[in-house]
Amino acid sequence: MRIPALNNRPLLIIGHIRPMDRPEHVASWMLVEKGRIEAIGDGPAPGADSAETVDLSGCTIIPTLHDCH
């Protein structure tokens, strides 16, 4: 699933986030700003009130760098 940019607004993704630097950890949110992952964590997300939220509860998200060639 590709999530498009939303008018440069921050994007808050809710789900089971598996960060690559801590594979044993499962976070509950990921904050994306201007196409870059800014923060991954649990509990209240910073800037959540001004972000567009995508609720992927029940889904596992593995943020990675993707090289098209």
PDB file of N, CA and C in Angstrom:
ATOM      1  N   MET A   1       0.840  -1.167   0.000  1.00  0.00           N
ATOM      2  CA  MET A   1       0.000   0.000   0.000  1.00  0.00           C
ATOM      3  C   MET A   1       0.892   1.239   0.000  1.00  0.00           C
ATOM      4  N   ARG A   2       0.621   2.148  -0.896  1.00  0.00           N
ATOM      5  CA  ARG A   2       1.361   3.412  -0.954  1.00  0.00           C
ATOM      6  C   ARG A   2       0.456   4.506  -0.424  1.00  0.00           C
ATOM      7  N   ILE A   3       0.963   5.291   0.517  1.00  0.00           N
ATOM      8  CA  ILE A   3       0.189   6.377   1.100  1.00  0.00           C
ATOM      9  C   ILE A   3       0.723   7.681   0.528  1.00  0.00           C
ATOM     10  N   PRO A   4      -0.092   8.418  -0.230  1.00  0.00           N
ATOM     11  CA  PRO A   4       0.395   9.648  -0.865  1.00  0.00           C
ATOM     12  C   PRO A   4       0.609  10.773   0.139  1.00  0.00           C
ATOM     13  N   ALA A   5       1.437  11.745  -0.259  1.00  0.00           N
ATOM     14  CA  ALA A   5       1.652  12.943   0.551  1.00  0.00           C
ATOM     15  C   ALA A   5       0.350  13.732   0.611  1.00  0.00           C
ATOM     16  N   LEU A   6       0.094  14.347   1.730  1.00  0.00           N
ATOM     17  CA  LEU A   6      -1.153  15.076   1.925  1.00  0.00           C
ATOM     18  C   LEU A   6      -0.880  16.555   2.179  1.00  0.00           C
ATOM     19  N   ASN A   7      -0.639  17.317   1.117  1.00  0.00           N
ATOM     20  CA  ASN A   7      -0.436  18.761   1.213  1.00  0.00           C
ATOM     21  C   ASN A   7       0.641  19.139   2.228  1.00  0.00           C
ATOM     22  N   ASN A   8       1.706  18.384   2.296  1.00  0.00           N
ATOM     23  CA  ASN A   8       2.817  18.632   3.218  1.00  0.00           C
ATOM     24  C   ASN A   8       2.425  18.599   4.692  1.00  0.00           C
ATOM     25  N   ARG A   9       1.247  18.071   4.990  1.00  0.00           N
ATOM     26  CA  ARG A   9       0.853  17.902   6.389  1.00  0.00           C
ATOM     27  C   ARG A   9       1.557  16.672   6.939  1.00  0.00           C
ATOM     28  N   PRO A  10       1.889  16.683   8.230  1.00  0.00           N
ATOM     29  CA  PRO A  10       2.458  15.474   8.832  1.00  0.00           C
ATOM     30  C   PRO A  10       1.447  14.332   8.745  1.00  0.00           C
ATOM     31  N   LEU A  11       1.954  13.127   8.657  1.00  0.00           N
ATOM     32  CA  LEU A  11       1.120  11.937   8.528  1.00  0.00           C
ATOM     33  C   LEU A  11       1.411  11.031   9.716  1.00  0.00           C
ATOM     34  N   LEU A  12       0.389  10.695  10.473  1.00  0.00           N
ATOM     35  CA  LEU A  12       0.526   9.811  11.622  1.00  0.00           C
ATOM     36  C   LEU A  12      -0.055   8.459  11.245  1.00  0.00           C
ATOM     37  N   ILE A  13       0.775   7.433  11.268  1.00  0.00           N
ATOM     38  CA  ILE A  13       0.339   6.088  10.906  1.00  0.00           C
ATOM     39  C   ILE A  13       0.234   5.262  12.185  1.00  0.00           C
ATOM     40  N   ILE A  14      -0.948   4.692  12.400  1.00  0.00           N
ATOM     41  CA  ILE A  14      -1.219   3.872  13.578  1.00  0.00           C
ATOM     42  C   ILE A  14      -1.198   2.407  13.155  1.00  0.00           C
ATOM     43  N   GLY A  15      -0.496   1.566  13.894  1.00  0.00           N
ATOM     44  CA  GLY A  15      -0.449   0.137  13.585  1.00  0.00           C
ATOM     45  C   GLY A  15       0.648  -0.530  14.384  1.00  0.00           C
ATOM     46  N   HIS A  16       1.020  -1.712  13.971  1.00  0.00           N
ATOM     47  CA  HIS A  16       2.122  -2.446  14.592  1.00  0.00           C
ATOM     48  C   HIS A  16       3.387  -2.109  13.807  1.00  0.00           C
ATOM     49  N   ILE A  17       4.177  -1.164  14.301  1.00  0.00           N
ATOM     50  CA  ILE A  17       5.369  -0.680  13.600  1.00  0.00           C
ATOM     51  C   ILE A  17       6.572  -1.486  14.087  1.00  0.00           C
ATOM     52  N   ARG A  18       7.293  -2.100  13.141  1.00  0.00           N
ATOM     53  CA  ARG A  18       8.486  -2.887  13.480  1.00  0.00           C
ATOM     54  C   ARG A  18       9.722  -2.146  12.982  1.00  0.00           C
ATOM     55  N   PRO A  19      10.356  -1.296  13.817  1.00  0.00           N
ATOM     56  CA  PRO A  19      11.529  -0.544  13.361  1.00  0.00           C
ATOM     57  C   PRO A  19      12.713  -1.463  13.095  1.00  0.00           C
ATOM     58  N   MET A  20      13.463  -1.162  12.050  1.00  0.00           N
ATOM     59  CA  MET A  20      14.594  -2.000  11.654  1.00  0.00           C
ATOM     60  C   MET A  20      15.747  -1.947  12.651  1.00  0.00           C
ATOM     61  N   ASP A  21      15.886  -0.833  13.399  1.00  0.00           N
ATOM     62  CA  ASP A  21      16.985  -0.725  14.354  1.00  0.00           C
ATOM     63  C   ASP A  21      16.687  -1.437  15.676  1.00  0.00           C
ATOM     64  N   ARG A  22      15.433  -1.807  15.894  1.00  0.00           N
ATOM     65  CA  ARG A  22      15.034  -2.533  17.102  1.00  0.00           C
ATOM     66  C   ARG A  22      14.030  -3.607  16.721  1.00  0.00           C
ATOM     67  N   PRO A  23      14.443  -4.675  16.053  1.00  0.00           N
ATOM     68  CA  PRO A  23      13.503  -5.669  15.530  1.00  0.00           C
ATOM     69  C   PRO A  23      12.662  -6.369  16.590  1.00  0.00           C
ATOM     70  N   GLU A  24      13.117  -6.364  17.845  1.00  0.00           N
ATOM     71  CA  GLU A  24      12.342  -7.014  18.906  1.00  0.00           C
ATOM     72  C   GLU A  24      11.233  -6.106  19.442  1.00  0.00           C
ATOM     73  N   HIS A  25      11.255  -4.824  19.075  1.00  0.00           N
ATOM     74  CA  HIS A  25      10.307  -3.830  19.570  1.00  0.00           C
ATOM     75  C   HIS A  25       9.150  -3.655  18.581  1.00  0.00           C
ATOM     76  N   VAL A  26       7.946  -3.500  19.101  1.00  0.00           N
ATOM     77  CA  VAL A  26       6.782  -3.177  18.272  1.00  0.00           C
ATOM     78  C   VAL A  26       6.210  -1.865  18.794  1.00  0.00           C
ATOM     79  N   ALA A  27       6.305  -0.815  17.983  1.00  0.00           N
ATOM     80  CA  ALA A  27       5.773   0.499  18.343  1.00  0.00           C
ATOM     81  C   ALA A  27       4.323   0.605  17.870  1.00  0.00           C
ATOM     82  N   SER A  28       3.622   1.631  18.330  1.00  0.00           N
ATOM     83  CA  SER A  28       2.210   1.769  17.971  1.00  0.00           C
ATOM     84  C   SER A  28       1.927   2.904  16.986  1.00  0.00           C
ATOM     85  N   TRP A  29       2.915   3.773  16.733  1.00  0.00           N
ATOM     86  CA  TRP A  29       2.708   4.864  15.774  1.00  0.00           C
ATOM     87  C   TRP A  29       4.017   5.259  15.094  1.00  0.00           C
ATOM     88  N   MET A  30       3.854   5.879  13.928  1.00  0.00           N
ATOM     89  CA  MET A  30       4.985   6.387  13.159  1.00  0.00           C
ATOM     90  C   MET A  30       4.573   7.744  12.594  1.00  0.00           C
ATOM     91  N   LEU A  31       5.415   8.755  12.807  1.00  0.00           N
ATOM     92  CA  LEU A  31       5.136  10.104  12.317  1.00  0.00           C
ATOM     93  C   LEU A  31       6.008  10.372  11.095  1.00  0.00           C
ATOM     94  N   VAL A  32       5.369  10.752   9.987  1.00  0.00           N
ATOM     95  CA  VAL A  32       6.065  11.020   8.723  1.00  0.00           C
ATOM     96  C   VAL A  32       5.842  12.481   8.366  1.00  0.00           C
ATOM     97  N   GLU A  33       6.931  13.204   8.096  1.00  0.00           N
ATOM     98  CA  GLU A  33       6.844  14.597   7.667  1.00  0.00           C
ATOM     99  C   GLU A  33       7.682  14.791   6.416  1.00  0.00           C
ATOM    100  N   LYS A  34       7.070  15.378   5.389  1.00  0.00           N
ATOM    101  CA  LYS A  34       7.738  15.655   4.114  1.00  0.00           C
ATOM    102  C   LYS A  34       8.411  14.407   3.551  1.00  0.00           C
ATOM    103  N   GLY A  35       7.726  13.272   3.669  1.00  0.00           N
ATOM    104  CA  GLY A  35       8.222  12.028   3.090  1.00  0.00           C
ATOM    105  C   GLY A  35       9.279  11.316   3.902  1.00  0.00           C
ATOM    106  N   ARG A  36       9.597  11.812   5.091  1.00  0.00           N
ATOM    107  CA  ARG A  36      10.636  11.200   5.931  1.00  0.00           C
ATOM    108  C   ARG A  36      10.048  10.771   7.271  1.00  0.00           C
ATOM    109  N   ILE A  37      10.516   9.645   7.768  1.00  0.00           N
ATOM    110  CA  ILE A  37      10.099   9.190   9.089  1.00  0.00           C
ATOM    111  C   ILE A  37      10.791  10.079  10.118  1.00  0.00           C
ATOM    112  N   GLU A  38      10.005  10.767  10.916  1.00  0.00           N
ATOM    113  CA  GLU A  38      10.542  11.672  11.931  1.00  0.00           C
ATOM    114  C   GLU A  38      10.604  11.022  13.305  1.00  0.00           C
ATOM    115  N   ALA A  39       9.641  10.156  13.611  1.00  0.00           N
ATOM    116  CA  ALA A  39       9.608   9.533  14.931  1.00  0.00           C
ATOM    117  C   ALA A  39       8.790   8.248  14.877  1.00  0.00           C
ATOM    118  N   ILE A  40       9.169   7.307  15.729  1.00  0.00           N
ATOM    119  CA  ILE A  40       8.437   6.061  15.916  1.00  0.00           C
ATOM    120  C   ILE A  40       8.346   5.852  17.417  1.00  0.00           C
ATOM    121  N   GLY A  41       7.168   5.504  17.923  1.00  0.00           N
ATOM    122  CA  GLY A  41       7.073   5.314  19.366  1.00  0.00           C
ATOM    123  C   GLY A  41       5.768   4.723  19.839  1.00  0.00           C
ATOM    124  N   ASP A  42       5.593   4.787  21.157  1.00  0.00           N
ATOM    125  CA  ASP A  42       4.395   4.315  21.848  1.00  0.00           C
ATOM    126  C   ASP A  42       3.807   5.476  22.629  1.00  0.00           C
ATOM    127  N   GLY A  43       2.593   5.306  23.112  1.00  0.00           N
ATOM    128  CA  GLY A  43       1.949   6.359  23.890  1.00  0.00           C
ATOM    129  C   GLY A  43       1.505   7.495  22.987  1.00  0.00           C
ATOM    130  N   PRO A  44       1.309   8.692  23.548  1.00  0.00           N
ATOM    131  CA  PRO A  44       0.856   9.826  22.751  1.00  0.00           C
ATOM    132  C   PRO A  44       1.910  10.232  21.711  1.00  0.00           C
ATOM    133  N   ALA A  45       1.478  10.431  20.490  1.00  0.00           N
ATOM    134  CA  ALA A  45       2.384  10.836  19.415  1.00  0.00           C
ATOM    135  C   ALA A  45       2.528  12.354  19.408  1.00  0.00           C
ATOM    136  N   PRO A  46       3.758  12.865  19.260  1.00  0.00           N
ATOM    137  CA  PRO A  46       3.945  14.313  19.191  1.00  0.00           C
ATOM    138  C   PRO A  46       3.341  14.869  17.904  1.00  0.00           C
ATOM    139  N   GLY A  47       2.618  15.955  18.012  1.00  0.00           N
ATOM    140  CA  GLY A  47       2.036  16.590  16.830  1.00  0.00           C
ATOM    141  C   GLY A  47       0.828  15.869  16.266  1.00  0.00           C
ATOM    142  N   ALA A  48       0.253  14.949  17.022  1.00  0.00           N
ATOM    143  CA  ALA A  48      -0.876  14.163  16.519  1.00  0.00           C
ATOM    144  C   ALA A  48      -2.093  15.021  16.178  1.00  0.00           C
ATOM    145  N   ASP A  49      -2.284  16.124  16.901  1.00  0.00           N
ATOM    146  CA  ASP A  49      -3.456  16.960  16.662  1.00  0.00           C
ATOM    147  C   ASP A  49      -3.390  17.711  15.338  1.00  0.00           C
ATOM    148  N   SER A  50      -2.191  17.910  14.776  1.00  0.00           N
ATOM    149  CA  SER A  50      -2.066  18.612  13.500  1.00  0.00           C
ATOM    150  C   SER A  50      -1.773  17.672  12.333  1.00  0.00           C
ATOM    151  N   ALA A  51      -1.704  16.376  12.594  1.00  0.00           N
ATOM    152  CA  ALA A  51      -1.351  15.401  11.551  1.00  0.00           C
ATOM    153  C   ALA A  51      -2.584  14.729  10.968  1.00  0.00           C
ATOM    154  N   GLU A  52      -2.475  14.342   9.722  1.00  0.00           N
ATOM    155  CA  GLU A  52      -3.476  13.489   9.091  1.00  0.00           C
ATOM    156  C   GLU A  52      -3.203  12.072   9.598  1.00  0.00           C
ATOM    157  N   THR A  53      -4.226  11.381  10.082  1.00  0.00           N
ATOM    158  CA  THR A  53      -4.036  10.057  10.675  1.00  0.00           C
ATOM    159  C   THR A  53      -4.517   8.964   9.740  1.00  0.00           C
ATOM    160  N   VAL A  54      -3.685   7.942   9.589  1.00  0.00           N
ATOM    161  CA  VAL A  54      -4.048   6.741   8.835  1.00  0.00           C
ATOM    162  C   VAL A  54      -4.051   5.593   9.836  1.00  0.00           C
ATOM    163  N   ASP A  55      -5.208   5.022  10.079  1.00  0.00           N
ATOM    164  CA  ASP A  55      -5.343   3.960  11.069  1.00  0.00           C
ATOM    165  C   ASP A  55      -5.200   2.607  10.383  1.00  0.00           C
ATOM    166  N   LEU A  56      -4.062   1.967  10.606  1.00  0.00           N
ATOM    167  CA  LEU A  56      -3.798   0.638  10.062  1.00  0.00           C
ATOM    168  C   LEU A  56      -3.736  -0.378  11.201  1.00  0.00           C
ATOM    169  N   SER A  57      -4.571  -0.175  12.212  1.00  0.00           N
ATOM    170  CA  SER A  57      -4.609  -1.094  13.352  1.00  0.00           C
ATOM    171  C   SER A  57      -4.806  -2.518  12.852  1.00  0.00           C
ATOM    172  N   GLY A  58      -4.049  -3.428  13.422  1.00  0.00           N
ATOM    173  CA  GLY A  58      -4.125  -4.819  13.001  1.00  0.00           C
ATOM    174  C   GLY A  58      -3.152  -5.142  11.888  1.00  0.00           C
ATOM    175  N   CYS A  59      -2.535  -4.125  11.295  1.00  0.00           N
ATOM    176  CA  CYS A  59      -1.550  -4.340  10.229  1.00  0.00           C
ATOM    177  C   CYS A  59      -0.142  -4.160  10.792  1.00  0.00           C
ATOM    178  N   THR A  60       0.816  -4.861  10.205  1.00  0.00           N
ATOM    179  CA  THR A  60       2.213  -4.693  10.577  1.00  0.00           C
ATOM    180  C   THR A  60       2.890  -3.834   9.519  1.00  0.00           C
ATOM    181  N   ILE A  61       3.583  -2.802   9.976  1.00  0.00           N
ATOM    182  CA  ILE A  61       4.304  -1.881   9.079  1.00  0.00           C
ATOM    183  C   ILE A  61       5.787  -2.040   9.365  1.00  0.00           C
ATOM    184  N   ILE A  62       6.568  -2.284   8.322  1.00  0.00           N
ATOM    185  CA  ILE A  62       8.019  -2.401   8.440  1.00  0.00           C
ATOM    186  C   ILE A  62       8.625  -1.274   7.618  1.00  0.00           C
ATOM    187  N   PRO A  63       8.968  -0.142   8.274  1.00  0.00           N
ATOM    188  CA  PRO A  63       9.527   0.981   7.526  1.00  0.00           C
ATOM    189  C   PRO A  63      10.931   0.642   7.014  1.00  0.00           C
ATOM    190  N   THR A  64      11.141   0.834   5.718  1.00  0.00           N
ATOM    191  CA  THR A  64      12.428   0.525   5.107  1.00  0.00           C
ATOM    192  C   THR A  64      12.761   1.554   4.031  1.00  0.00           C
ATOM    193  N   LEU A  65      14.005   1.558   3.627  1.00  0.00           N
ATOM    194  CA  LEU A  65      14.443   2.346   2.484  1.00  0.00           C
ATOM    195  C   LEU A  65      14.251   1.493   1.243  1.00  0.00           C
ATOM    196  N   HIS A  66      13.623   2.049   0.222  1.00  0.00           N
ATOM    197  CA  HIS A  66      13.357   1.296  -0.991  1.00  0.00           C
ATOM    198  C   HIS A  66      14.087   1.942  -2.164  1.00  0.00           C
ATOM    199  N   ASP A  67      14.974   1.205  -2.784  1.00  0.00           N
ATOM    200  CA  ASP A  67      15.709   1.668  -3.949  1.00  0.00           C
ATOM    201  C   ASP A  67      15.062   1.034  -5.188  1.00  0.00           C
ATOM    202  N   CYS A  68      14.586   1.851  -6.098  1.00  0.00           N
ATOM    203  CA  CYS A  68      13.844   1.356  -7.259  1.00  0.00           C
ATOM    204  C   CYS A  68      14.687   0.705  -8.341  1.00  0.00           C
ATOM    205  N   HIS A  69      16.003   0.750  -8.251  1.00  0.00           N
ATOM    206  CA  HIS A  69      16.793   0.151  -9.314  1.00  0.00           C
ATOM    207  C   HIS A  69      17.872  -0.761  -8.818  1.00  0.00           C
TER     208      HIS A  69
END
